[in-house]
Amino acid sequence: MTLAFGLPTYDASPGVHRAQAVVDTFKLSWEGYYSHAFPNDELKPVTNGLSNSRNGWGASAVDALSTALIMGERGIVNQIIDHIPHINWSNTPTQVSLFETTIRYLGGMLSGYDLLRGPLADLADKPEKVDALLAQSINLANNLSYAFETPSGMPWNGLDFSTRGHDGDTTGLAVAGTLILEWQRLADLTGNKTYSELVWKAEKYLLSPTPHSSEPFPGLVGTNINVTTGAFLDASGGWIGGADSFYEYLIKTYVYNRSYTYLRDRWIAAADSTIRYLTSHPDPRPDLTFVATYDGTTIQATSEHLACFDGGNLILGGQVLHQQKYIDYGLELVNGCHATYTQTATRIGPEIFAWNASNVPANQSAFFNTTGFYITSPGYQLRPEVIESYYYAYRATSDPKYQDWAWEAFLAINETTRVGSGYSSVSNVNVEGGGNHTDFQESFWFAEVLKYSYLIQAGEAEWQVGKDGVNEWVYNTEAHPVKVQG
C-alpha cells in the first residue's frame, strides 16, 4: 500500500514493513521540524514556520527522544541529546505549565536517561550527554518546585518563572494527579526524596477528597481544586481532559512500584464505579459502549478523543491485577472508540462527540442513527489515544485485528494530515480531506502517535507492555517509558 506524498510502498501485512513505514514517517516529520523549527517547540508545516507553545525549550525534540531511541534512530538521538544540555529552563517569555512541562520535558528526559543507561546505551555517541539528561531533569524540577509553595502543598499549574508568580488559586485534578510517576522516578534516580515528598503531599488530597460531596461515586472525584485548602470545588468530571491522567497514574504508578497498594485500591474503586455508573450505550447502536461524564450524580452522554485512552488503561489494570473483567470492559471501550474512527469521512475520530438522543443536531440525525454518536467538535489535533488503546488491546490479546486497526488509523492520519514539511492538525474529520490544515504539528505527534503506531507493529523488546501483566517499563501519559522500580 502506498502512503501519501511519495513515501515508499509497503506490504500491508503485519510486522516489519508496517513498522518501517512508521519509522519513515517519523524521520520525515523530524526532518521537517529540524530544518524549519529546531530548536523551537513545534513546526508549522504549511508555512515552514515555527511555534513556541511550550516555552521555547524544544518540546518536539525532547518529546521525540524516547521514540527515536526505541526506533534505533541513532542520528536523531544524538541531535537531541546534543541539544538538551544547552536548554536554560529559567529563560522563557511565556507562562510555564507544571503539568505539561512535567509530562513532556521531565518525562522525556528521564525516559531518555533510563533507556540510554540501560538497553540502548550503544546509541549515544558521547556518554556525558546521557549524564546531562539527569542533570537537566534536576535543573528543571528545581525551577518548577516553587509551584508547591502553597498553604496546602497543592501546586499551582501556571507559573511565571521571571517573578515566581502563578495563575491563581485554582488547579486541576489532572495537574496535581499527573506528577507522581515522573517526580518519584527523579527522586529514585537521584536519592533526593524532596522531589517525591512534594508530589505525594499534593496527591493525598486527591486520594482522600474533601468535601464528601466531591466524590459522587466511589473513586470518582471532581475536577477543580482550591490550591489554598486542597479541597475540591466541584463534583464533575470523568475520564476526560482535565481529569483523565489522575486515574491513569493510579494504576501506572502501582506498576512502577508495587508497594503503592493504596493507589491500586483507589484505581479499582474508580474502575468499578466507571463500569457500574458511567457505562453508556447509544440508542441507535446498543452494541457500542462509551464512558459518560458526570456532574454530581447526573450522567452526561458525551466524551472526547482524549478519553479514548480509557480502554487501554482498563486493559492494563486488568492484566496487572489478573482481573479479566477489566480487560473485557476495556476491549468494549476500544471497540467504541474504533467506531468513532471508522464512521467519519476521513476515518479519523473527532475531538468531542456525544450520543444524547434528545439533543442531536438536526443536520446530524441521519449520521447519529447510523453511527450511534454525533460530533460536537470536529477537529483532529494529532491525538494518540485511540491508537494507544489499540496497542494495549493487542498486547493483552495478541489479536492481529488491533494491529490492522492501528495500521488503518495510521494510513488515514497520514493521508489526511500530511502537508508541506510535516503533518498538521485539521479542522474537520467528517469532510473529505479533513477541512483545513491548521498549520500546527504537536510535539506529541513524535512522542505518542508515532510511538504507539510503531510499537504495535514492532517485535518483542523489554520496553513493550508485558503480555502477562509483568512490566519492566511503564509509559507516562506522554508515552515516555521509564524503568520500573526494583
Protein backbone atom coordinates (compact mmCIF):
# COMPACT_ATOMS: atom_id res chain seq x y z
CA MET A 1 0.00 0.00 0.00
CA THR A 2 1.38 3.40 -0.92
CA LEU A 3 1.43 6.18 1.67
CA ALA A 4 0.54 9.71 0.67
CA PHE A 5 3.03 12.25 -0.62
CA GLY A 6 5.60 9.97 -2.11
CA LEU A 7 6.58 7.75 0.79
CA PRO A 8 7.65 4.26 -0.27
CA THR A 9 5.33 1.36 -0.95
CA TYR A 10 4.95 -1.30 1.75
CA ASP A 11 3.42 -4.69 2.13
CA ALA A 12 0.23 -4.21 4.16
CA SER A 13 0.79 -7.40 6.19
CA PRO A 14 1.60 -7.03 9.89
CA GLY A 15 5.19 -6.76 11.01
CA VAL A 16 8.38 -5.24 9.80
CA HIS A 17 7.03 -3.39 6.75
CA ARG A 18 4.37 -1.57 8.72
CA ALA A 19 6.84 -0.72 11.47
CA GLN A 20 9.27 0.63 8.87
CA ALA A 21 6.53 2.77 7.36
CA VAL A 22 6.02 4.41 10.74
CA VAL A 23 9.78 4.94 11.12
CA ASP A 24 9.85 6.64 7.72
CA THR A 25 7.01 8.95 8.77
CA PHE A 26 8.89 9.75 11.97
CA LYS A 27 12.04 10.59 10.00
CA LEU A 28 10.14 12.75 7.53
CA SER A 29 8.46 14.60 10.43
CA TRP A 30 11.79 15.08 12.16
CA GLU A 31 13.49 16.36 9.02
CA GLY A 32 10.78 18.98 8.55
CA TYR A 33 10.97 20.08 12.17
CA TYR A 34 14.78 20.06 12.29
CA SER A 35 15.07 22.03 9.05
CA HIS A 36 12.49 24.70 9.78
CA ALA A 37 11.78 24.90 13.52
CA PHE A 38 14.51 23.32 15.69
CA PRO A 39 15.36 24.17 18.48
CA ASN A 40 11.97 25.79 18.94
CA ASP A 41 8.97 23.86 20.17
CA GLU A 42 6.89 23.00 17.12
CA LEU A 43 6.87 23.04 13.34
CA LYS A 44 4.20 24.90 11.39
CA PRO A 45 4.32 22.59 8.38
CA VAL A 46 2.12 24.51 5.96
CA THR A 47 4.22 27.67 6.12
CA ASN A 48 7.54 26.10 7.19
CA GLY A 49 7.29 28.27 10.28
CA LEU A 50 7.84 27.66 13.97
CA SER A 51 5.90 27.89 17.19
CA ASN A 52 6.80 28.06 20.87
CA SER A 53 3.71 26.94 22.76
CA ARG A 54 5.85 25.08 25.34
CA ASN A 55 8.23 27.85 26.43
CA GLY A 56 10.72 27.65 23.57
CA TRP A 57 12.84 24.87 25.05
CA GLY A 58 12.48 22.46 22.13
CA ALA A 59 9.39 20.45 23.05
CA SER A 60 9.29 18.44 19.83
CA ALA A 61 12.93 17.44 20.26
CA VAL A 62 12.57 16.29 23.86
CA ASP A 63 9.26 14.58 23.09
CA ALA A 64 10.86 12.78 20.14
CA LEU A 65 13.81 11.38 22.10
CA SER A 66 12.27 8.19 23.52
CA THR A 67 10.61 7.38 20.18
CA ALA A 68 13.88 7.86 18.29
CA LEU A 69 15.58 5.59 20.81
CA ILE A 70 13.01 2.81 20.54
CA MET A 71 13.20 3.04 16.74
CA GLY A 72 17.01 2.89 16.86
CA GLU A 73 17.45 6.20 15.03
CA ARG A 74 20.97 6.94 16.22
CA GLY A 75 21.49 10.16 14.30
CA ILE A 76 18.30 11.77 15.61
CA VAL A 77 19.01 10.56 19.14
CA ASN A 78 22.35 12.34 19.14
CA GLN A 79 20.94 15.53 17.65
CA ILE A 80 18.50 15.65 20.56
CA ILE A 81 20.91 14.79 23.37
CA ASP A 82 23.35 17.36 21.96
CA HIS A 83 20.60 19.99 22.33
CA ILE A 84 19.29 19.20 25.80
CA PRO A 85 22.36 20.33 27.83
CA HIS A 86 22.00 23.81 26.35
CA ILE A 87 18.41 24.40 27.49
CA ASN A 88 18.11 27.22 30.03
CA TRP A 89 15.00 26.33 31.98
CA SER A 90 14.90 29.67 33.76
CA ASN A 91 14.65 31.57 30.48
CA THR A 92 11.20 31.71 28.91
CA PRO A 93 8.95 34.61 27.91
CA THR A 94 5.75 32.67 28.49
CA GLN A 95 3.84 31.02 31.32
CA VAL A 96 5.08 27.57 32.31
CA SER A 97 2.58 24.74 32.82
CA LEU A 98 3.65 22.44 35.66
CA PHE A 99 1.56 19.66 34.11
CA GLU A 100 2.75 19.95 30.50
CA THR A 101 6.36 20.57 31.47
CA THR A 102 6.38 17.51 33.72
CA ILE A 103 4.89 15.07 31.23
CA ARG A 104 6.77 16.31 28.14
CA TYR A 105 10.14 17.64 29.26
CA LEU A 106 10.78 15.92 32.59
CA GLY A 107 9.22 12.67 31.44
CA GLY A 108 11.06 12.80 28.12
CA MET A 109 14.46 13.34 29.70
CA LEU A 110 14.01 10.72 32.42
CA SER A 111 12.89 8.21 29.81
CA GLY A 112 15.86 9.01 27.63
CA TYR A 113 18.16 8.61 30.61
CA ASP A 114 16.68 5.25 31.58
CA LEU A 115 16.90 3.91 28.03
CA LEU A 116 20.43 5.21 27.42
CA ARG A 117 21.66 3.99 30.80
CA GLY A 118 20.05 0.64 30.06
CA PRO A 119 19.20 -1.34 26.94
CA LEU A 120 20.01 1.36 24.37
CA ALA A 121 23.30 2.66 25.75
CA ASP A 122 25.05 1.98 22.45
CA LEU A 123 23.01 4.71 20.69
CA ALA A 124 24.72 7.61 22.49
CA ASP A 125 27.92 8.84 20.83
CA LYS A 126 29.01 10.78 23.96
CA PRO A 127 28.25 9.27 27.39
CA GLU A 128 28.46 12.68 29.07
CA LYS A 129 25.38 13.72 27.10
CA VAL A 130 23.47 10.95 28.83
CA ASP A 131 24.52 12.23 32.25
CA ALA A 132 23.24 15.64 31.19
CA LEU A 133 19.73 14.24 30.80
CA LEU A 134 19.55 13.57 34.53
CA ALA A 135 21.32 16.82 35.39
CA GLN A 136 18.84 18.78 33.29
CA SER A 137 15.95 16.88 34.87
CA ILE A 138 17.20 18.07 38.25
CA ASN A 139 17.58 21.64 37.00
CA LEU A 140 14.08 21.66 35.57
CA ALA A 141 12.48 20.17 38.69
CA ASN A 142 14.28 22.72 40.84
CA ASN A 143 12.85 25.52 38.72
CA LEU A 144 9.36 24.02 38.93
CA SER A 145 9.42 23.22 42.62
CA TYR A 146 8.14 26.59 43.85
CA ALA A 147 4.76 25.57 42.40
CA PHE A 148 4.27 23.58 45.60
CA GLU A 149 4.91 26.56 47.92
CA THR A 150 1.22 26.95 48.71
CA PRO A 151 -0.59 26.80 52.05
CA SER A 152 -1.78 23.26 51.34
CA GLY A 153 1.04 21.94 49.17
CA MET A 154 -1.43 21.59 46.31
CA PRO A 155 0.51 23.10 43.38
CA TRP A 156 -0.25 25.98 41.12
CA ASN A 157 -0.13 24.99 37.44
CA GLY A 158 0.58 28.21 35.52
CA LEU A 159 3.95 29.58 36.60
CA ASP A 160 5.83 32.80 35.80
CA PHE A 161 9.49 31.96 36.26
CA SER A 162 10.58 35.60 35.96
CA THR A 163 8.59 36.69 39.03
CA ARG A 164 7.92 33.35 40.75
CA GLY A 165 4.29 34.20 40.13
CA HIS A 166 1.34 31.96 39.38
CA ASP A 167 -2.02 31.94 37.65
CA GLY A 168 -4.41 31.88 40.60
CA ASP A 169 -5.83 29.77 43.38
CA THR A 170 -7.49 27.01 41.35
CA THR A 171 -5.75 23.96 39.95
CA GLY A 172 -6.99 20.80 38.27
CA LEU A 173 -7.23 17.11 39.08
CA ALA A 174 -5.04 16.14 36.13
CA VAL A 175 -2.45 18.75 37.11
CA ALA A 176 -1.98 17.57 40.69
CA GLY A 177 -2.60 13.91 39.84
CA THR A 178 -0.17 13.54 36.94
CA LEU A 179 3.11 14.24 38.73
CA ILE A 180 3.77 11.22 40.95
CA LEU A 181 5.33 8.98 38.31
CA GLU A 182 7.88 11.46 36.95
CA TRP A 183 8.80 13.13 40.25
CA GLN A 184 9.05 9.80 42.08
CA ARG A 185 11.30 8.47 39.32
CA LEU A 186 13.51 11.54 39.69
CA ALA A 187 13.67 11.01 43.45
CA ASP A 188 14.62 7.38 42.98
CA LEU A 189 17.33 8.16 40.43
CA THR A 190 18.86 10.99 42.48
CA GLY A 191 18.22 9.76 46.01
CA ASN A 192 16.65 13.15 46.77
CA LYS A 193 13.34 12.44 48.48
CA THR A 194 12.30 16.09 48.34
CA TYR A 195 11.05 15.60 44.80
CA SER A 196 8.74 12.77 45.80
CA GLU A 197 7.62 14.43 49.04
CA LEU A 198 6.34 17.45 47.10
CA VAL A 199 4.08 15.46 44.81
CA TRP A 200 2.83 12.98 47.39
CA LYS A 201 1.71 15.81 49.66
CA ALA A 202 -0.50 17.03 46.82
CA GLU A 203 -1.65 13.53 45.89
CA LYS A 204 -3.04 12.85 49.36
CA TYR A 205 -5.77 15.46 48.82
CA LEU A 206 -6.87 13.55 45.72
CA LEU A 207 -6.90 10.18 47.44
CA SER A 208 -8.92 11.50 50.40
CA PRO A 209 -11.06 14.18 48.77
CA THR A 210 -13.00 16.86 50.61
CA PRO A 211 -15.77 17.77 50.82
CA HIS A 212 -17.51 14.39 50.77
CA SER A 213 -19.82 15.65 48.01
CA SER A 214 -16.85 15.95 45.62
CA GLU A 215 -16.81 12.16 45.28
CA PRO A 216 -20.23 11.43 43.74
CA PHE A 217 -19.27 7.82 43.04
CA PRO A 218 -16.64 5.79 44.91
CA GLY A 219 -13.22 6.64 43.47
CA LEU A 220 -14.56 9.23 41.01
CA VAL A 221 -13.99 12.84 42.03
CA GLY A 222 -14.39 16.43 40.86
CA THR A 223 -12.05 18.36 38.60
CA ASN A 224 -11.22 21.78 40.09
CA ILE A 225 -9.35 22.19 43.37
CA ASN A 226 -8.68 25.11 45.70
CA VAL A 227 -4.91 25.50 46.00
CA THR A 228 -5.12 27.16 49.41
CA THR A 229 -7.13 24.42 51.09
CA GLY A 230 -6.70 21.37 48.86
CA ALA A 231 -10.49 20.99 48.75
CA PHE A 232 -12.42 20.21 45.59
CA LEU A 233 -14.60 22.95 44.14
CA ASP A 234 -16.98 20.73 42.17
CA ALA A 235 -18.14 17.17 41.67
CA SER A 236 -17.98 16.95 37.88
CA GLY A 237 -15.57 15.01 35.72
CA GLY A 238 -14.86 11.67 34.10
CA TRP A 239 -12.08 10.07 32.07
CA ILE A 240 -11.75 13.29 30.07
CA GLY A 241 -9.28 16.13 29.68
CA GLY A 242 -8.62 17.91 32.94
CA ALA A 243 -9.17 14.74 34.97
CA ASP A 244 -8.07 11.78 32.85
CA SER A 245 -4.46 11.16 33.78
CA PHE A 246 -5.15 11.18 37.53
CA TYR A 247 -6.92 7.85 37.03
CA GLU A 248 -4.29 6.72 34.54
CA TYR A 249 -1.46 7.29 37.03
CA LEU A 250 -3.14 5.40 39.88
CA ILE A 251 -2.51 2.07 38.17
CA LYS A 252 0.64 3.10 36.30
CA THR A 253 2.42 4.27 39.44
CA TYR A 254 1.44 0.98 41.06
CA VAL A 255 3.06 -0.76 38.08
CA TYR A 256 6.14 1.37 38.72
CA ASN A 257 6.30 0.29 42.36
CA ARG A 258 4.05 -2.48 43.65
CA SER A 259 4.29 -1.18 47.22
CA TYR A 260 1.79 1.56 46.33
CA THR A 261 -1.18 -0.66 47.10
CA TYR A 262 -3.34 2.31 48.09
CA LEU A 263 -3.05 3.61 44.53
CA ARG A 264 -4.07 0.20 43.22
CA ASP A 265 -7.09 0.16 45.53
CA ARG A 266 -8.11 3.67 44.53
CA TRP A 267 -7.88 2.71 40.85
CA ILE A 268 -10.05 -0.36 41.48
CA ALA A 269 -12.68 1.85 43.13
CA ALA A 270 -12.65 4.24 40.16
CA ALA A 271 -12.76 1.40 37.62
CA ASP A 272 -15.63 -0.37 39.39
CA SER A 273 -17.63 2.86 39.63
CA THR A 274 -16.98 3.58 35.97
CA ILE A 275 -18.34 0.19 34.98
CA ARG A 276 -21.34 0.48 37.29
CA TYR A 277 -22.34 4.12 36.85
CA LEU A 278 -20.77 5.58 33.70
CA THR A 279 -21.25 2.80 31.15
CA SER A 280 -23.46 4.04 28.35
CA HIS A 281 -24.85 2.56 25.12
CA PRO A 282 -26.19 4.83 22.35
CA ASP A 283 -29.85 4.24 21.49
CA PRO A 284 -29.24 3.56 17.78
CA ARG A 285 -26.16 1.43 18.48
CA PRO A 286 -26.60 -0.53 21.71
CA ASP A 287 -23.67 -2.68 20.61
CA LEU A 288 -21.30 0.22 21.34
CA THR A 289 -20.01 1.07 24.79
CA PHE A 290 -18.93 4.58 25.78
CA VAL A 291 -17.97 6.06 29.14
CA ALA A 292 -20.14 9.03 30.07
CA THR A 293 -19.11 12.08 32.08
CA TYR A 294 -20.84 13.27 35.22
CA ASP A 295 -21.87 16.39 37.12
CA GLY A 296 -22.59 15.16 40.61
CA THR A 297 -24.69 12.06 40.06
CA THR A 298 -26.10 13.40 36.78
CA ILE A 299 -24.72 11.41 33.84
CA GLN A 300 -23.87 13.18 30.59
CA ALA A 301 -23.71 11.31 27.29
CA THR A 302 -20.58 12.95 25.95
CA SER A 303 -16.93 12.02 25.53
CA GLU A 304 -13.85 13.01 23.57
CA HIS A 305 -10.79 11.73 21.78
CA LEU A 306 -8.68 12.34 24.89
CA ALA A 307 -10.88 9.93 26.85
CA CYS A 308 -10.24 7.07 24.44
CA PHE A 309 -7.14 6.16 26.43
CA ASP A 310 -9.58 4.67 28.97
CA GLY A 311 -9.87 1.32 27.21
CA GLY A 312 -6.12 0.85 27.26
CA ASN A 313 -5.89 1.84 30.90
CA LEU A 314 -8.63 -0.61 31.93
CA ILE A 315 -6.86 -3.33 29.94
CA LEU A 316 -3.51 -2.56 31.60
CA GLY A 317 -5.13 -2.67 35.02
CA GLY A 318 -6.81 -5.96 34.21
CA GLN A 319 -3.52 -7.51 33.12
CA VAL A 320 -1.57 -6.26 36.12
CA LEU A 321 -4.26 -7.30 38.60
CA HIS A 322 -5.12 -10.53 36.74
CA GLN A 323 -8.75 -9.43 36.56
CA GLN A 324 -10.33 -10.42 33.27
CA LYS A 325 -13.39 -8.23 33.88
CA TYR A 326 -11.31 -5.07 33.42
CA ILE A 327 -9.70 -6.42 30.27
CA ASP A 328 -13.09 -7.33 28.81
CA TYR A 329 -14.56 -3.94 29.67
CA GLY A 330 -11.52 -2.16 28.26
CA LEU A 331 -11.89 -4.09 25.00
CA GLU A 332 -15.52 -2.92 24.78
CA LEU A 333 -14.33 0.68 25.14
CA VAL A 334 -11.69 0.12 22.45
CA ASN A 335 -14.44 -1.08 20.10
CA GLY A 336 -16.47 2.05 20.84
CA CYS A 337 -13.59 4.39 20.09
CA HIS A 338 -12.77 2.39 16.96
CA ALA A 339 -16.32 3.14 15.76
CA THR A 340 -15.69 6.89 16.10
CA TYR A 341 -12.86 6.47 13.60
CA THR A 342 -14.41 4.19 11.02
CA GLN A 343 -17.64 6.17 10.61
CA THR A 344 -16.24 9.57 9.61
CA ALA A 345 -15.32 10.82 6.15
CA THR A 346 -11.59 10.74 6.94
CA ARG A 347 -11.75 7.59 9.10
CA ILE A 348 -10.32 9.63 12.00
CA GLY A 349 -12.28 10.28 15.18
CA PRO A 350 -13.40 13.77 16.25
CA GLU A 351 -12.17 15.84 19.17
CA ILE A 352 -15.53 15.69 21.01
CA PHE A 353 -18.61 13.54 20.40
CA ALA A 354 -21.91 12.84 22.13
CA TRP A 355 -24.83 10.42 21.99
CA ASN A 356 -27.68 12.12 23.86
CA ALA A 357 -30.65 11.15 21.69
CA SER A 358 -32.66 14.18 22.79
CA ASN A 359 -30.00 16.66 21.75
CA VAL A 360 -28.95 15.53 18.26
CA PRO A 361 -28.30 18.42 15.84
CA ALA A 362 -30.80 18.32 13.00
CA ASN A 363 -28.07 18.13 10.38
CA GLN A 364 -26.57 15.04 12.06
CA SER A 365 -29.69 12.98 12.73
CA ALA A 366 -29.02 10.51 9.91
CA PHE A 367 -25.36 10.28 10.93
CA PHE A 368 -26.37 9.63 14.56
CA ASN A 369 -28.90 6.97 13.63
CA THR A 370 -26.20 5.10 11.70
CA THR A 371 -23.15 5.64 13.89
CA GLY A 372 -24.55 6.00 17.40
CA PHE A 373 -22.85 9.34 18.03
CA TYR A 374 -22.82 12.89 16.76
CA ILE A 375 -19.91 15.30 16.55
CA THR A 376 -19.73 18.42 18.72
CA SER A 377 -16.11 19.40 17.92
CA PRO A 378 -14.89 18.02 14.60
CA GLY A 379 -11.15 18.72 14.64
CA TYR A 380 -8.22 16.32 14.95
CA GLN A 381 -5.19 17.59 16.86
CA LEU A 382 -2.84 14.68 16.02
CA ARG A 383 -4.02 12.88 19.14
CA PRO A 384 -2.82 9.36 20.06
CA GLU A 385 -5.41 7.92 22.44
CA VAL A 386 -7.28 5.61 20.08
CA ILE A 387 -4.10 4.03 18.71
CA GLU A 388 -2.74 3.89 22.27
CA SER A 389 -5.68 1.76 23.34
CA TYR A 390 -5.32 -0.45 20.26
CA TYR A 391 -1.77 -1.07 21.46
CA TYR A 392 -2.83 -2.19 24.92
CA ALA A 393 -5.60 -4.33 23.40
CA TYR A 394 -3.09 -6.05 21.16
CA ARG A 395 -0.63 -6.66 23.97
CA ALA A 396 -3.37 -8.25 26.07
CA THR A 397 -4.97 -10.41 23.38
CA SER A 398 -2.39 -10.89 20.59
CA ASP A 399 -5.34 -10.45 18.23
CA PRO A 400 -3.96 -9.10 14.93
CA LYS A 401 -7.15 -7.14 14.27
CA TYR A 402 -5.81 -4.46 16.60
CA GLN A 403 -2.65 -4.24 14.52
CA ASP A 404 -4.89 -3.85 11.48
CA TRP A 405 -6.94 -1.14 13.17
CA ALA A 406 -3.78 0.75 14.13
CA TRP A 407 -2.45 0.46 10.59
CA GLU A 408 -5.73 1.70 9.13
CA ALA A 409 -5.68 4.66 11.52
CA PHE A 410 -2.05 5.39 10.65
CA LEU A 411 -2.86 5.40 6.94
CA ALA A 412 -5.90 7.63 7.42
CA ILE A 413 -3.96 10.08 9.56
CA ASN A 414 -1.10 10.10 7.06
CA GLU A 415 -3.42 10.74 4.15
CA THR A 416 -5.35 13.49 5.92
CA THR A 417 -2.73 15.40 7.90
CA ARG A 418 0.36 15.20 5.66
CA VAL A 419 1.09 18.67 4.30
CA GLY A 420 4.14 20.77 3.43
CA SER A 421 7.13 19.89 5.58
CA GLY A 422 5.27 17.67 8.05
CA TYR A 423 1.87 16.80 9.50
CA SER A 424 -0.78 19.24 10.66
CA SER A 425 -3.87 19.22 12.81
CA VAL A 426 -7.05 19.51 10.75
CA SER A 427 -10.34 21.27 11.36
CA ASN A 428 -13.00 18.71 10.43
CA VAL A 429 -12.63 14.94 10.31
CA ASN A 430 -16.07 14.48 8.81
CA VAL A 431 -15.38 16.13 5.47
CA GLU A 432 -13.14 14.68 2.79
CA GLY A 433 -9.59 15.85 3.30
CA GLY A 434 -10.22 16.92 6.88
CA GLY A 435 -11.22 20.51 6.17
CA ASN A 436 -8.40 23.00 6.72
CA HIS A 437 -4.88 22.23 7.84
CA THR A 438 -4.39 24.41 10.92
CA ASP A 439 -0.61 24.63 10.41
CA PHE A 440 0.48 23.07 13.68
CA GLN A 441 2.41 19.87 14.35
CA GLU A 442 2.03 18.90 18.01
CA SER A 443 5.09 17.66 19.89
CA PHE A 444 3.11 14.60 20.99
CA TRP A 445 2.92 13.57 17.34
CA PHE A 446 6.52 12.41 17.90
CA ALA A 447 6.10 11.17 21.45
CA GLU A 448 2.80 9.31 21.20
CA VAL A 449 1.13 8.83 17.81
CA LEU A 450 4.22 7.55 16.07
CA LYS A 451 5.48 5.59 19.07
CA TYR A 452 2.27 3.62 19.59
CA SER A 453 1.86 3.16 15.83
CA TYR A 454 5.35 1.67 15.77
CA LEU A 455 5.22 -0.43 18.95
CA ILE A 456 2.05 -2.29 17.96
CA GLN A 457 3.71 -3.47 14.75
CA ALA A 458 7.24 -3.99 16.11
CA GLY A 459 8.83 -7.11 17.57
CA GLU A 460 9.29 -8.04 21.19
CA ALA A 461 11.52 -5.84 23.34
CA GLU A 462 11.85 -5.25 27.06
CA TRP A 463 10.05 -1.89 26.80
CA GLN A 464 6.96 -3.43 25.24
CA VAL A 465 3.98 -3.65 27.60
CA GLY A 466 4.05 -7.11 29.16
CA LYS A 467 1.61 -9.68 27.83
CA ASP A 468 1.41 -11.39 31.22
CA GLY A 469 0.88 -8.35 33.44
CA VAL A 470 4.57 -8.12 34.32
CA ASN A 471 6.23 -4.94 33.04
CA GLU A 472 9.85 -3.81 33.03
CA TRP A 473 8.85 -0.34 31.87
CA VAL A 474 5.79 1.86 32.34
CA TYR A 475 4.66 4.64 29.98
CA ASN A 476 3.84 8.08 31.30
CA THR A 477 0.86 9.95 29.87
CA GLU A 478 3.08 11.37 27.10
CA ALA A 479 4.16 7.80 26.18
CA HIS A 480 7.65 8.15 27.64
CA PRO A 481 8.68 4.78 29.15
CA VAL A 482 10.52 4.81 32.48
CA LYS A 483 12.18 1.84 34.10
CA VAL A 484 10.05 0.12 36.70
CA GLN A 485 11.49 0.46 40.20
CA GLY A 486 13.11 -2.70 41.53
